Amino acid sequence: MNIISEEQLHSALARQLGLDIVRVKEEFSPEVKKILPRHICRKYNAIPLSTGEHNTLKIAMIDPSDSEAVSTIEKYTGKVLEPVLASHSDIESSITKLIPWSIRDLFNNRTSTRIAGLLATAALILVIVLVQQYYNDKTREEYGNITRTDTATSYENHELILKFADNGKASLLGHGAYSSGYYSITFDSLDLLKQFIERKKDDFSGKQLSWLQWAMAEQQQPR
């Protein structure tokens, strides 16, 4: 089975169409570099070369017989095309080198789809971040701040601080909503702290009491 090279294929096509194969670099005129945006050049495998008399545009294509491509490009440019033949590799590399990127490339269908996909991904990430931030804020509002060190764990919320040391001692600091002063007491055990809070429960607001009970239960969870 013989494999036909790109050069052989275009030579056969040139004979069939009665056209010469051009080299884009040798035929290209800088004045036409903005006539067609990159995305159209790539879509139709074509690149403009030069303008001529009677509103004509010489354009290199891999298939000058592609009537759909010719018609579309004529409508876009408003010029009468004079198609010539060039290899796919020559056209592809020349588009990158000779045709500048433009804002029109940003809004073509293919690029717009990619941008829409990126925007959708960015929006999803933003939603996840905002939800996580909202959750963190609500958690902090309900449970306050928790600080862990090598020797103790502290819970702080509602003007109260509970500190649990690794040696089993527990401390209560802060102000009960209905108490006349401030607490600064250290207990030898968590049970003694619980007993104290039970005796003084009328000194605390409902939120404070619920939080104290939660913090003590949290401290008893296995780690």
Protein backbone atom coordinates (compact mmCIF):
# COMPACT_ATOMS: atom_id res chain seq x y z
CA MET A 1 0.00 0.00 0.00
CA ASN A 2 1.51 3.30 -1.09
CA ILE A 3 1.20 6.33 1.17
CA ILE A 4 0.72 9.65 -0.61
CA SER A 5 2.60 12.59 0.89
CA GLU A 6 1.09 16.05 1.31
CA GLU A 7 3.32 17.33 -1.50
CA GLN A 8 2.19 14.57 -3.89
CA LEU A 9 -1.45 15.19 -3.01
CA HIS A 10 -1.19 18.90 -3.74
CA SER A 11 0.72 18.29 -6.95
CA ALA A 12 -2.15 16.09 -8.13
CA LEU A 13 -4.71 18.69 -7.06
CA ALA A 14 -2.73 21.45 -8.82
CA ARG A 15 -2.78 19.49 -12.07
CA GLN A 16 -6.48 18.79 -11.69
CA LEU A 17 -7.35 22.45 -11.08
CA GLY A 18 -4.75 23.86 -13.43
CA LEU A 19 -3.15 25.91 -10.64
CA ASP A 20 0.38 26.42 -9.39
CA ILE A 21 1.31 25.71 -5.79
CA VAL A 22 2.41 28.96 -4.11
CA ARG A 23 4.55 29.58 -1.05
CA VAL A 24 2.68 31.89 1.28
CA LYS A 25 5.74 33.75 2.55
CA GLU A 26 6.76 34.70 -0.99
CA GLU A 27 3.27 35.90 -2.00
CA PHE A 28 2.08 37.52 1.22
CA SER A 29 1.55 41.30 1.36
CA PRO A 30 1.37 42.85 4.86
CA GLU A 31 -1.50 45.11 3.77
CA VAL A 32 -3.91 42.16 3.89
CA LYS A 33 -2.95 40.83 7.33
CA LYS A 34 -6.12 42.21 8.96
CA ILE A 35 -8.62 41.36 6.22
CA LEU A 36 -9.44 37.93 7.70
CA PRO A 37 -9.23 37.09 11.42
CA ARG A 38 -7.34 34.01 12.49
CA HIS A 39 -10.39 31.94 13.35
CA ILE A 40 -11.80 32.26 9.81
CA CYS A 41 -8.40 31.51 8.27
CA ARG A 42 -8.13 28.35 10.35
CA LYS A 43 -11.74 27.31 9.81
CA TYR A 44 -11.36 27.36 6.02
CA ASN A 45 -7.62 26.59 5.82
CA ALA A 46 -7.01 29.80 3.90
CA ILE A 47 -4.85 32.90 4.18
CA PRO A 48 -5.09 36.17 2.20
CA LEU A 49 -2.06 37.05 0.09
CA SER A 50 -2.69 40.37 -1.66
CA THR A 51 -5.33 42.64 -3.14
CA GLY A 52 -5.65 43.40 -6.84
CA GLU A 53 -7.61 45.44 -9.32
CA HIS A 54 -11.40 45.32 -9.53
CA ASN A 55 -11.77 44.61 -5.80
CA THR A 56 -10.07 41.22 -5.95
CA LEU A 57 -8.34 39.34 -3.16
CA LYS A 58 -5.75 36.70 -3.88
CA ILE A 59 -6.04 33.98 -1.27
CA ALA A 60 -4.13 30.75 -0.66
CA MET A 61 -6.27 27.70 0.13
CA ILE A 62 -5.69 23.99 0.52
CA ASP A 63 -8.77 23.43 -1.64
CA PRO A 64 -9.54 26.31 -4.03
CA SER A 65 -12.54 24.32 -5.30
CA ASP A 66 -14.31 24.65 -1.92
CA SER A 67 -17.20 26.84 -3.07
CA GLU A 68 -18.66 27.20 0.43
CA ALA A 69 -15.38 28.57 1.79
CA VAL A 70 -14.98 30.92 -1.18
CA SER A 71 -18.55 32.22 -0.84
CA THR A 72 -18.26 32.76 2.92
CA ILE A 73 -14.94 34.61 2.66
CA GLU A 74 -16.23 36.78 -0.19
CA LYS A 75 -19.23 37.78 1.92
CA TYR A 76 -17.00 38.51 4.91
CA THR A 77 -14.43 40.59 3.02
CA GLY A 78 -16.69 42.10 0.38
CA LYS A 79 -14.09 41.16 -2.24
CA VAL A 80 -13.93 38.83 -5.21
CA LEU A 81 -11.59 35.94 -4.44
CA GLU A 82 -8.81 34.68 -6.66
CA PRO A 83 -8.00 31.35 -4.96
CA VAL A 84 -4.57 29.76 -5.37
CA LEU A 85 -3.24 26.49 -4.00
CA ALA A 86 -0.92 26.13 -0.99
CA SER A 87 -0.08 23.25 1.32
CA HIS A 88 -1.87 22.79 4.62
CA SER A 89 1.34 22.99 6.63
CA ASP A 90 2.38 26.21 4.86
CA ILE A 91 -0.99 27.85 5.47
CA GLU A 92 -1.21 26.70 9.08
CA SER A 93 2.24 27.97 10.05
CA SER A 94 1.76 31.20 8.09
CA ILE A 95 -1.50 32.02 9.88
CA THR A 96 0.32 31.97 13.20
CA LYS A 97 3.25 34.00 11.90
CA LEU A 98 1.51 36.50 9.60
CA ILE A 99 -2.08 37.00 10.78
CA PRO A 100 -2.29 38.98 14.04
CA TRP A 101 -4.64 38.00 16.82
CA SER A 102 -7.64 40.36 17.03
CA ILE A 103 -10.67 40.99 19.20
CA ARG A 104 -12.79 39.31 16.52
CA ASP A 105 -11.06 36.02 17.36
CA LEU A 106 -12.30 36.37 20.92
CA PHE A 107 -15.94 36.34 19.90
CA ASN A 108 -15.99 33.55 17.35
CA ASN A 109 -18.15 30.56 18.23
CA ARG A 110 -15.33 28.19 19.14
CA THR A 111 -13.52 30.69 21.37
CA SER A 112 -16.78 31.94 22.87
CA THR A 113 -17.63 28.37 23.85
CA ARG A 114 -14.25 27.97 25.55
CA ILE A 115 -14.63 31.32 27.32
CA ALA A 116 -18.17 30.42 28.40
CA GLY A 117 -16.80 27.16 29.80
CA LEU A 118 -14.06 28.98 31.68
CA LEU A 119 -16.53 31.55 33.04
CA ALA A 120 -18.89 28.79 34.14
CA THR A 121 -16.02 27.04 35.93
CA ALA A 122 -14.94 30.31 37.56
CA ALA A 123 -18.53 31.00 38.64
CA LEU A 124 -18.81 27.52 40.14
CA ILE A 125 -15.55 27.98 42.05
CA LEU A 126 -16.77 31.36 43.31
CA VAL A 127 -20.04 29.81 44.50
CA ILE A 128 -18.13 27.07 46.32
CA VAL A 129 -15.86 29.65 47.97
CA LEU A 130 -18.83 31.81 49.01
CA VAL A 131 -20.74 28.83 50.38
CA GLN A 132 -17.68 27.74 52.33
CA GLN A 133 -17.19 31.28 53.64
CA TYR A 134 -20.87 31.48 54.63
CA TYR A 135 -20.59 28.13 56.40
CA ASN A 136 -17.44 29.26 58.22
CA ASP A 137 -19.10 32.52 59.28
CA LYS A 138 -22.23 30.72 60.52
CA THR A 139 -20.11 28.16 62.35
CA ARG A 140 -18.04 30.90 63.95
CA GLU A 141 -21.21 32.79 64.90
CA GLU A 142 -22.75 29.71 66.49
CA TYR A 143 -19.71 28.05 68.03
CA GLY A 144 -17.14 30.85 68.21
CA ASN A 145 -13.41 30.38 67.93
CA ILE A 146 -11.53 27.23 68.84
CA THR A 147 -7.80 27.40 69.56
CA ARG A 148 -5.70 24.29 70.04
CA THR A 149 -2.12 24.24 71.35
CA ASP A 150 0.20 21.46 72.44
CA THR A 151 -1.07 21.72 76.03
CA ALA A 152 -4.65 23.02 75.90
CA THR A 153 -7.81 23.68 73.90
CA SER A 154 -9.72 26.96 74.25
CA TYR A 155 -13.28 27.79 73.20
CA GLU A 156 -14.35 31.42 72.97
CA ASN A 157 -17.84 32.81 72.29
CA HIS A 158 -20.60 34.97 73.79
CA GLU A 159 -18.14 36.85 76.07
CA LEU A 160 -16.99 33.57 77.61
CA ILE A 161 -13.82 31.48 77.38
CA LEU A 162 -13.51 27.83 78.31
CA LYS A 163 -10.00 26.43 78.49
CA PHE A 164 -9.26 22.73 78.87
CA ALA A 165 -5.69 21.78 79.76
CA ASP A 166 -4.19 18.42 78.93
CA ASN A 167 -3.68 17.79 82.66
CA GLY A 168 -7.48 17.62 83.09
CA LYS A 169 -8.03 21.08 84.54
CA ALA A 170 -10.71 23.38 83.12
CA SER A 171 -10.99 27.16 83.31
CA LEU A 172 -13.95 29.50 82.89
CA LEU A 173 -13.35 33.15 82.10
CA GLY A 174 -15.69 35.93 81.08
CA HIS A 175 -19.04 37.46 81.88
CA GLY A 176 -22.39 35.75 82.33
CA ALA A 177 -25.24 37.72 80.78
CA TYR A 178 -27.07 37.98 84.11
CA SER A 179 -24.14 37.87 86.53
CA SER A 180 -22.85 40.91 88.39
CA GLY A 181 -19.17 40.25 87.80
CA TYR A 182 -16.61 38.35 85.73
CA TYR A 183 -15.55 34.74 86.07
CA SER A 184 -11.93 33.65 86.31
CA ILE A 185 -12.06 30.19 87.83
CA THR A 186 -9.98 27.05 87.37
CA PHE A 187 -11.46 23.65 88.16
CA ASP A 188 -9.56 20.45 88.78
CA SER A 189 -11.81 18.50 86.42
CA LEU A 190 -14.46 18.88 83.75
CA ASP A 191 -17.07 17.40 86.08
CA LEU A 192 -16.49 20.16 88.63
CA LEU A 193 -16.92 22.74 85.85
CA LYS A 194 -20.22 21.11 84.85
CA GLN A 195 -21.45 21.19 88.44
CA PHE A 196 -20.57 24.87 88.74
CA ILE A 197 -22.37 25.80 85.51
CA GLU A 198 -25.43 23.81 86.62
CA ARG A 199 -25.53 25.76 89.90
CA LYS A 200 -24.99 29.10 88.13
CA LYS A 201 -27.12 28.44 85.05
CA ASP A 202 -29.38 31.39 85.85
CA ASP A 203 -26.37 33.68 85.38
CA PHE A 204 -26.12 32.77 81.70
CA SER A 205 -28.28 33.60 78.72
CA GLY A 206 -29.87 30.79 76.74
CA LYS A 207 -27.23 31.14 74.02
CA GLN A 208 -24.41 31.14 76.55
CA LEU A 209 -25.74 28.07 78.33
CA SER A 210 -26.27 26.15 75.09
CA TRP A 211 -22.78 27.05 73.94
CA LEU A 212 -21.19 26.04 77.28
CA GLN A 213 -22.92 22.66 77.12
CA TRP A 214 -21.81 22.20 73.51
CA ALA A 215 -18.18 23.12 74.30
CA MET A 216 -18.01 20.71 77.24
CA ALA A 217 -19.54 17.91 75.15
CA GLU A 218 -17.13 18.72 72.30
CA GLN A 219 -14.19 18.49 74.67
CA GLN A 220 -15.25 15.00 75.72
CA GLN A 221 -15.23 13.72 72.14
CA PRO A 222 -12.38 11.24 71.46
CA ARG A 223 -9.48 12.71 69.41
